[in-house]
PDB file of N, CA and C in Angstrom:
ATOM      1  N   PHE A   1      -8.144 -40.513  59.939  1.00  0.00           N
ATOM      2  CA  PHE A   1      -7.516 -41.813  60.077  1.00  0.00           C
ATOM      3  C   PHE A   1      -7.112 -42.275  58.689  1.00  0.00           C
ATOM      4  N   PRO A   2      -5.972 -41.834  58.200  1.00  0.00           N
ATOM      5  CA  PRO A   2      -5.620 -42.064  56.795  1.00  0.00           C
ATOM      6  C   PRO A   2      -5.503 -43.534  56.406  1.00  0.00           C
ATOM      7  N   GLU A   3      -4.942 -44.367  57.269  1.00  0.00           N
ATOM      8  CA  GLU A   3      -4.789 -45.775  56.894  1.00  0.00           C
ATOM      9  C   GLU A   3      -6.139 -46.488  56.815  1.00  0.00           C
ATOM     10  N   ALA A   4      -6.954 -46.298  57.828  1.00  0.00           N
ATOM     11  CA  ALA A   4      -8.273 -46.931  57.841  1.00  0.00           C
ATOM     12  C   ALA A   4      -9.132 -46.395  56.705  1.00  0.00           C
ATOM     13  N   SER A   5      -9.074 -45.089  56.479  1.00  0.00           N
ATOM     14  CA  SER A   5      -9.874 -44.473  55.415  1.00  0.00           C
ATOM     15  C   SER A   5      -9.462 -44.971  54.041  1.00  0.00           C
ATOM     16  N   PHE A   6      -8.146 -45.001  53.800  1.00  0.00           N
ATOM     17  CA  PHE A   6      -7.671 -45.467  52.500  1.00  0.00           C
ATOM     18  C   PHE A   6      -8.037 -46.925  52.294  1.00  0.00           C
ATOM     19  N   HIS A   7      -7.873 -47.726  53.323  1.00  0.00           N
ATOM     20  CA  HIS A   7      -8.200 -49.148  53.198  1.00  0.00           C
ATOM     21  C   HIS A   7      -9.673 -49.336  52.879  1.00  0.00           C
ATOM     22  N   TYR A   8     -10.528 -48.584  53.545  1.00  0.00           N
ATOM     23  CA  TYR A   8     -11.962 -48.678  53.276  1.00  0.00           C
ATOM     24  C   TYR A   8     -12.261 -48.310  51.825  1.00  0.00           C
ATOM     25  N   ALA A   9     -11.757 -47.175  51.373  1.00  0.00           N
ATOM     26  CA  ALA A   9     -12.025 -46.721  50.003  1.00  0.00           C
ATOM     27  C   ALA A   9     -11.447 -47.684  48.974  1.00  0.00           C
ATOM     28  N   LEU A  10     -10.273 -48.221  49.232  1.00  0.00           N
ATOM     29  CA  LEU A  10      -9.650 -49.160  48.302  1.00  0.00           C
ATOM     30  C   LEU A  10     -10.481 -50.429  48.170  1.00  0.00           C
ATOM     31  N   GLN A  11     -10.950 -50.946  49.288  1.00  0.00           N
ATOM     32  CA  GLN A  11     -11.778 -52.152  49.237  1.00  0.00           C
ATOM     33  C   GLN A  11     -13.092 -51.890  48.498  1.00  0.00           C
ATOM     34  N   MET A  12     -13.682 -50.730  48.711  1.00  0.00           N
ATOM     35  CA  MET A  12     -14.909 -50.375  47.993  1.00  0.00           C
ATOM     36  C   MET A  12     -14.619 -50.251  46.502  1.00  0.00           C
ATOM     37  N   HIS A  13     -13.470 -49.687  46.174  1.00  0.00           N
ATOM     38  CA  HIS A  13     -13.063 -49.527  44.770  1.00  0.00           C
ATOM     39  C   HIS A  13     -12.900 -50.888  44.091  1.00  0.00           C
ATOM     40  N   HIS A  14     -12.481 -51.882  44.861  1.00  0.00           N
ATOM     41  CA  HIS A  14     -12.300 -53.236  44.331  1.00  0.00           C
ATOM     42  C   HIS A  14     -13.581 -54.066  44.391  1.00  0.00           C
ATOM     43  N   GLY A  15     -14.700 -53.427  44.715  1.00  0.00           N
ATOM     44  CA  GLY A  15     -15.987 -54.110  44.651  1.00  0.00           C
ATOM     45  C   GLY A  15     -16.417 -54.858  45.899  1.00  0.00           C
ATOM     46  N   LYS A  16     -15.725 -54.661  47.008  1.00  0.00           N
ATOM     47  CA  LYS A  16     -16.142 -55.313  48.253  1.00  0.00           C
ATOM     48  C   LYS A  16     -17.411 -54.645  48.767  1.00  0.00           C
ATOM     49  N   SER A  17     -18.140 -55.345  49.600  1.00  0.00           N
ATOM     50  CA  SER A  17     -19.318 -54.754  50.224  1.00  0.00           C
ATOM     51  C   SER A  17     -18.860 -53.756  51.288  1.00  0.00           C
ATOM     52  N   SER A  18     -19.758 -52.876  51.682  1.00  0.00           N
ATOM     53  CA  SER A  18     -19.391 -51.898  52.703  1.00  0.00           C
ATOM     54  C   SER A  18     -19.060 -52.586  54.025  1.00  0.00           C
ATOM     55  N   GLU A  19     -19.719 -53.706  54.311  1.00  0.00           N
ATOM     56  CA  GLU A  19     -19.427 -54.438  55.545  1.00  0.00           C
ATOM     57  C   GLU A  19     -18.009 -55.018  55.518  1.00  0.00           C
ATOM     58  N   GLU A  20     -17.628 -55.603  54.383  1.00  0.00           N
ATOM     59  CA  GLU A  20     -16.273 -56.156  54.253  1.00  0.00           C
ATOM     60  C   GLU A  20     -15.226 -55.050  54.320  1.00  0.00           C
ATOM     61  N   ALA A  21     -15.490 -53.955  53.620  1.00  0.00           N
ATOM     62  CA  ALA A  21     -14.545 -52.842  53.608  1.00  0.00           C
ATOM     63  C   ALA A  21     -14.403 -52.236  54.999  1.00  0.00           C
ATOM     64  N   LEU A  22     -15.504 -52.119  55.715  1.00  0.00           N
ATOM     65  CA  LEU A  22     -15.463 -51.559  57.060  1.00  0.00           C
ATOM     66  C   LEU A  22     -14.729 -52.487  58.025  1.00  0.00           C
ATOM     67  N   ALA A  23     -14.877 -53.775  57.848  1.00  0.00           N
ATOM     68  CA  ALA A  23     -14.143 -54.734  58.694  1.00  0.00           C
ATOM     69  C   ALA A  23     -12.640 -54.587  58.475  1.00  0.00           C
ATOM     70  N   GLY A  24     -12.233 -54.407  57.226  1.00  0.00           N
ATOM     71  CA  GLY A  24     -10.814 -54.186  56.940  1.00  0.00           C
ATOM     72  C   GLY A  24     -10.312 -52.875  57.507  1.00  0.00           C
ATOM     73  N   ALA A  25     -11.123 -51.828  57.389  1.00  0.00           N
ATOM     74  CA  ALA A  25     -10.750 -50.532  57.950  1.00  0.00           C
ATOM     75  C   ALA A  25     -10.624 -50.626  59.464  1.00  0.00           C
ATOM     76  N   ARG A  26     -11.519 -51.382  60.073  1.00  0.00           N
ATOM     77  CA  ARG A  26     -11.469 -51.548  61.529  1.00  0.00           C
ATOM     78  C   ARG A  26     -10.178 -52.247  61.955  1.00  0.00           C
ATOM     79  N   SER A  27      -9.678 -53.167  61.148  1.00  0.00           N
ATOM     80  CA  SER A  27      -8.411 -53.827  61.486  1.00  0.00           C
ATOM     81  C   SER A  27      -7.254 -52.831  61.435  1.00  0.00           C
ATOM     82  N   LYS A  28      -7.306 -51.885  60.508  1.00  0.00           N
ATOM     83  CA  LYS A  28      -6.289 -50.828  60.453  1.00  0.00           C
ATOM     84  C   LYS A  28      -6.437 -49.886  61.643  1.00  0.00           C
ATOM     85  N   TRP A  29      -7.661 -49.646  62.067  1.00  0.00           N
ATOM     86  CA  TRP A  29      -7.951 -48.768  63.190  1.00  0.00           C
ATOM     87  C   TRP A  29      -7.477 -49.385  64.510  1.00  0.00           C
ATOM     88  N   LEU A  30      -7.804 -50.651  64.732  1.00  0.00           N
ATOM     89  CA  LEU A  30      -7.487 -51.289  66.005  1.00  0.00           C
ATOM     90  C   LEU A  30      -6.079 -51.868  66.065  1.00  0.00           C
ATOM     91  N   GLY A  31      -5.543 -52.304  64.920  1.00  0.00           N
ATOM     92  CA  GLY A  31      -4.225 -52.918  64.906  1.00  0.00           C
ATOM     93  C   GLY A  31      -4.269 -54.364  65.350  1.00  0.00           C
ATOM     94  N   SER A  32      -3.116 -54.894  65.658  1.00  0.00           N
ATOM     95  CA  SER A  32      -3.005 -56.289  66.096  1.00  0.00           C
ATOM     96  C   SER A  32      -1.808 -56.415  67.027  1.00  0.00           C
ATOM     97  N   ASP A  33      -1.487 -57.646  67.399  1.00  0.00           N
ATOM     98  CA  ASP A  33      -0.299 -57.866  68.227  1.00  0.00           C
ATOM     99  C   ASP A  33       0.976 -57.535  67.467  1.00  0.00           C
ATOM    100  N   ALA A  34       0.938 -57.664  66.152  1.00  0.00           N
ATOM    101  CA  ALA A  34       2.127 -57.451  65.332  1.00  0.00           C
ATOM    102  C   ALA A  34       2.398 -55.974  65.024  1.00  0.00           C
ATOM    103  N   TRP A  35       1.359 -55.161  64.948  1.00  0.00           N
ATOM    104  CA  TRP A  35       1.538 -53.741  64.622  1.00  0.00           C
ATOM    105  C   TRP A  35       0.418 -52.915  65.246  1.00  0.00           C
ATOM    106  N   PRO A  36       0.754 -51.703  65.664  1.00  0.00           N
ATOM    107  CA  PRO A  36      -0.266 -50.863  66.291  1.00  0.00           C
ATOM    108  C   PRO A  36      -1.210 -50.271  65.250  1.00  0.00           C
ATOM    109  N   GLY A  37      -2.437 -50.129  65.618  1.00  0.00           N
ATOM    110  CA  GLY A  37      -3.405 -49.486  64.752  1.00  0.00           C
ATOM    111  C   GLY A  37      -3.441 -47.985  65.007  1.00  0.00           C
ATOM    112  N   GLU A  38      -4.260 -47.299  64.244  1.00  0.00           N
ATOM    113  CA  GLU A  38      -4.345 -45.855  64.412  1.00  0.00           C
ATOM    114  C   GLU A  38      -4.944 -45.476  65.772  1.00  0.00           C
ATOM    115  N   PHE A  39      -5.734 -46.348  66.352  1.00  0.00           N
ATOM    116  CA  PHE A  39      -6.304 -46.098  67.667  1.00  0.00           C
ATOM    117  C   PHE A  39      -5.242 -46.089  68.759  1.00  0.00           C
ATOM    118  N   SER A  40      -4.079 -46.652  68.503  1.00  0.00           N
ATOM    119  CA  SER A  40      -3.019 -46.703  69.515  1.00  0.00           C
ATOM    120  C   SER A  40      -2.379 -45.340  69.753  1.00  0.00           C
ATOM    121  N   ASN A  41      -2.610 -44.376  68.873  1.00  0.00           N
ATOM    122  CA  ASN A  41      -2.125 -43.018  69.094  1.00  0.00           C
ATOM    123  C   ASN A  41      -2.828 -42.482  70.340  1.00  0.00           C
ATOM    124  N   PRO A  42      -2.088 -42.028  71.337  1.00  0.00           N
ATOM    125  CA  PRO A  42      -2.733 -41.622  72.588  1.00  0.00           C
ATOM    126  C   PRO A  42      -3.740 -40.478  72.424  1.00  0.00           C
ATOM    127  N   TYR A  43      -3.474 -39.565  71.511  1.00  0.00           N
ATOM    128  CA  TYR A  43      -4.397 -38.453  71.302  1.00  0.00           C
ATOM    129  C   TYR A  43      -5.685 -38.930  70.631  1.00  0.00           C
ATOM    130  N   THR A  44      -5.547 -39.812  69.680  1.00  0.00           N
ATOM    131  CA  THR A  44      -6.716 -40.374  69.021  1.00  0.00           C
ATOM    132  C   THR A  44      -7.528 -41.197  70.012  1.00  0.00           C
ATOM    133  N   ALA A  45      -6.849 -42.001  70.804  1.00  0.00           N
ATOM    134  CA  ALA A  45      -7.532 -42.823  71.806  1.00  0.00           C
ATOM    135  C   ALA A  45      -8.278 -41.948  72.808  1.00  0.00           C
ATOM    136  N   LEU A  46      -7.691 -40.829  73.194  1.00  0.00           N
ATOM    137  CA  LEU A  46      -8.351 -39.927  74.132  1.00  0.00           C
ATOM    138  C   LEU A  46      -9.627 -39.340  73.532  1.00  0.00           C
ATOM    139  N   CYS A  47      -9.559 -38.964  72.265  1.00  0.00           N
ATOM    140  CA  CYS A  47     -10.729 -38.370  71.605  1.00  0.00           C
ATOM    141  C   CYS A  47     -11.847 -39.376  71.374  1.00  0.00           C
ATOM    142  N   PHE A  48     -11.485 -40.625  71.098  1.00  0.00           N
ATOM    143  CA  PHE A  48     -12.486 -41.611  70.695  1.00  0.00           C
ATOM    144  C   PHE A  48     -12.571 -42.801  71.638  1.00  0.00           C
ATOM    145  N   CYS A  49     -12.212 -42.617  72.883  1.00  0.00           N
ATOM    146  CA  CYS A  49     -12.198 -43.739  73.819  1.00  0.00           C
ATOM    147  C   CYS A  49     -13.581 -44.335  74.048  1.00  0.00           C
ATOM    148  N   SER A  50     -14.620 -43.530  73.951  1.00  0.00           N
ATOM    149  CA  SER A  50     -15.956 -44.066  74.218  1.00  0.00           C
ATOM    150  C   SER A  50     -16.865 -44.035  72.996  1.00  0.00           C
ATOM    151  N   ALA A  51     -16.287 -43.777  71.832  1.00  0.00           N
ATOM    152  CA  ALA A  51     -17.098 -43.699  70.608  1.00  0.00           C
ATOM    153  C   ALA A  51     -16.443 -44.517  69.505  1.00  0.00           C
ATOM    154  N   ASP A  52     -17.250 -44.969  68.596  1.00  0.00           N
ATOM    155  CA  ASP A  52     -16.741 -45.688  67.430  1.00  0.00           C
ATOM    156  C   ASP A  52     -16.780 -44.722  66.246  1.00  0.00           C
ATOM    157  N   PRO A  53     -15.619 -44.216  65.823  1.00  0.00           N
ATOM    158  CA  PRO A  53     -15.615 -43.238  64.738  1.00  0.00           C
ATOM    159  C   PRO A  53     -15.805 -43.852  63.349  1.00  0.00           C
ATOM    160  N   LEU A  54     -15.776 -45.168  63.251  1.00  0.00           N
ATOM    161  CA  LEU A  54     -15.930 -45.812  61.945  1.00  0.00           C
ATOM    162  C   LEU A  54     -17.415 -46.037  61.676  1.00  0.00           C
ATOM    163  N   ASP A  55     -18.071 -44.953  61.337  1.00  0.00           N
ATOM    164  CA  ASP A  55     -19.516 -44.969  61.131  1.00  0.00           C
ATOM    165  C   ASP A  55     -19.846 -44.525  59.704  1.00  0.00           C
ATOM    166  N   GLU A  56     -21.094 -44.184  59.461  1.00  0.00           N
ATOM    167  CA  GLU A  56     -21.529 -43.784  58.117  1.00  0.00           C
ATOM    168  C   GLU A  56     -20.790 -42.536  57.639  1.00  0.00           C
ATOM    169  N   GLU A  57     -20.550 -41.608  58.552  1.00  0.00           N
ATOM    170  CA  GLU A  57     -19.827 -40.385  58.184  1.00  0.00           C
ATOM    171  C   GLU A  57     -18.389 -40.717  57.775  1.00  0.00           C
ATOM    172  N   PHE A  58     -17.757 -41.620  58.509  1.00  0.00           N
ATOM    173  CA  PHE A  58     -16.413 -42.081  58.169  1.00  0.00           C
ATOM    174  C   PHE A  58     -16.387 -42.682  56.767  1.00  0.00           C
ATOM    175  N   MET A  59     -17.379 -43.534  56.479  1.00  0.00           N
ATOM    176  CA  MET A  59     -17.435 -44.178  55.168  1.00  0.00           C
ATOM    177  C   MET A  59     -17.620 -43.146  54.059  1.00  0.00           C
ATOM    178  N   ALA A  60     -18.492 -42.188  54.277  1.00  0.00           N
ATOM    179  CA  ALA A  60     -18.744 -41.155  53.262  1.00  0.00           C
ATOM    180  C   ALA A  60     -17.506 -40.304  53.024  1.00  0.00           C
ATOM    181  N   PHE A  61     -16.846 -39.874  54.087  1.00  0.00           N
ATOM    182  CA  PHE A  61     -15.639 -39.064  53.931  1.00  0.00           C
ATOM    183  C   PHE A  61     -14.507 -39.850  53.279  1.00  0.00           C
ATOM    184  N   SER A  62     -14.354 -41.108  53.664  1.00  0.00           N
ATOM    185  CA  SER A  62     -13.302 -41.940  53.074  1.00  0.00           C
ATOM    186  C   SER A  62     -13.468 -42.035  51.561  1.00  0.00           C
ATOM    187  N   GLU A  63     -14.689 -42.292  51.136  1.00  0.00           N
ATOM    188  CA  GLU A  63     -14.943 -42.397  49.704  1.00  0.00           C
ATOM    189  C   GLU A  63     -14.806 -41.048  49.011  1.00  0.00           C
ATOM    190  N   ALA A  64     -15.248 -39.977  49.659  1.00  0.00           N
ATOM    191  CA  ALA A  64     -15.145 -38.644  49.050  1.00  0.00           C
ATOM    192  C   ALA A  64     -13.695 -38.237  48.840  1.00  0.00           C
ATOM    193  N   VAL A  65     -12.837 -38.593  49.769  1.00  0.00           N
ATOM    194  CA  VAL A  65     -11.426 -38.212  49.671  1.00  0.00           C
ATOM    195  C   VAL A  65     -10.654 -39.113  48.712  1.00  0.00           C
ATOM    196  N   PHE A  66     -10.809 -40.423  48.861  1.00  0.00           N
ATOM    197  CA  PHE A  66      -9.936 -41.350  48.145  1.00  0.00           C
ATOM    198  C   PHE A  66     -10.475 -41.864  46.810  1.00  0.00           C
ATOM    199  N   THR A  67     -11.771 -41.891  46.598  1.00  0.00           N
ATOM    200  CA  THR A  67     -12.302 -42.438  45.347  1.00  0.00           C
ATOM    201  C   THR A  67     -11.785 -41.702  44.116  1.00  0.00           C
ATOM    202  N   PRO A  68     -11.768 -40.361  44.103  1.00  0.00           N
ATOM    203  CA  PRO A  68     -11.225 -39.687  42.915  1.00  0.00           C
ATOM    204  C   PRO A  68      -9.779 -40.079  42.617  1.00  0.00           C
ATOM    205  N   MET A  69      -8.981 -40.257  43.655  1.00  0.00           N
ATOM    206  CA  MET A  69      -7.591 -40.675  43.436  1.00  0.00           C
ATOM    207  C   MET A  69      -7.520 -42.099  42.910  1.00  0.00           C
ATOM    208  N   LEU A  70      -8.331 -42.977  43.476  1.00  0.00           N
ATOM    209  CA  LEU A  70      -8.313 -44.374  43.054  1.00  0.00           C
ATOM    210  C   LEU A  70      -8.809 -44.534  41.615  1.00  0.00           C
ATOM    211  N   GLU A  71      -9.723 -43.690  41.192  1.00  0.00           N
ATOM    212  CA  GLU A  71     -10.218 -43.767  39.820  1.00  0.00           C
ATOM    213  C   GLU A  71      -9.143 -43.397  38.799  1.00  0.00           C
ATOM    214  N   HIS A  72      -8.134 -42.663  39.234  1.00  0.00           N
ATOM    215  CA  HIS A  72      -7.054 -42.250  38.331  1.00  0.00           C
ATOM    216  C   HIS A  72      -5.732 -42.930  38.632  1.00  0.00           C
ATOM    217  N   TRP A  73      -5.763 -43.891  39.543  1.00  0.00           N
ATOM    218  CA  TRP A  73      -4.567 -44.581  39.972  1.00  0.00           C
ATOM    219  C   TRP A  73      -4.226 -45.667  38.967  1.00  0.00           C
ATOM    220  N   ARG A  74      -3.005 -45.724  38.582  1.00  0.00           N
ATOM    221  CA  ARG A  74      -2.542 -46.801  37.720  1.00  0.00           C
ATOM    222  C   ARG A  74      -1.116 -47.116  38.088  1.00  0.00           C
ATOM    223  N   GLU A  75      -0.759 -48.348  37.878  1.00  0.00           N
ATOM    224  CA  GLU A  75       0.599 -48.769  38.183  1.00  0.00           C
ATOM    225  C   GLU A  75       1.504 -48.391  37.020  1.00  0.00           C
ATOM    226  N   VAL A  76       2.666 -47.895  37.361  1.00  0.00           N
ATOM    227  CA  VAL A  76       3.644 -47.523  36.349  1.00  0.00           C
ATOM    228  C   VAL A  76       4.801 -48.490  36.476  1.00  0.00           C
ATOM    229  N   LYS A  77       5.107 -49.128  35.390  1.00  0.00           N
ATOM    230  CA  LYS A  77       6.233 -50.070  35.410  1.00  0.00           C
ATOM    231  C   LYS A  77       7.517 -49.314  35.086  1.00  0.00           C
ATOM    232  N   ALA A  78       8.498 -49.537  35.906  1.00  0.00           N
ATOM    233  CA  ALA A  78       9.771 -48.848  35.733  1.00  0.00           C
ATOM    234  C   ALA A  78      10.648 -49.554  34.736  1.00  0.00           C
TER     235      ALA A  78
END
């Protein structure tokens, strides 16, 4: 879940608590009336219809994947 994962890792990188970061990731996962979340993908919904994939393993993988990139991320002014 690239959007939810990146959002979680980014919030953690900015010093948010894991609860706050997970709440933000969940908003990317579920979506809203204005935009669909990653759960709206029919294949994803089929796989996770009865489970919550945003758990401790999700948090660990999100940080493992995105933290190294975020540590080297900098804005470049054109």
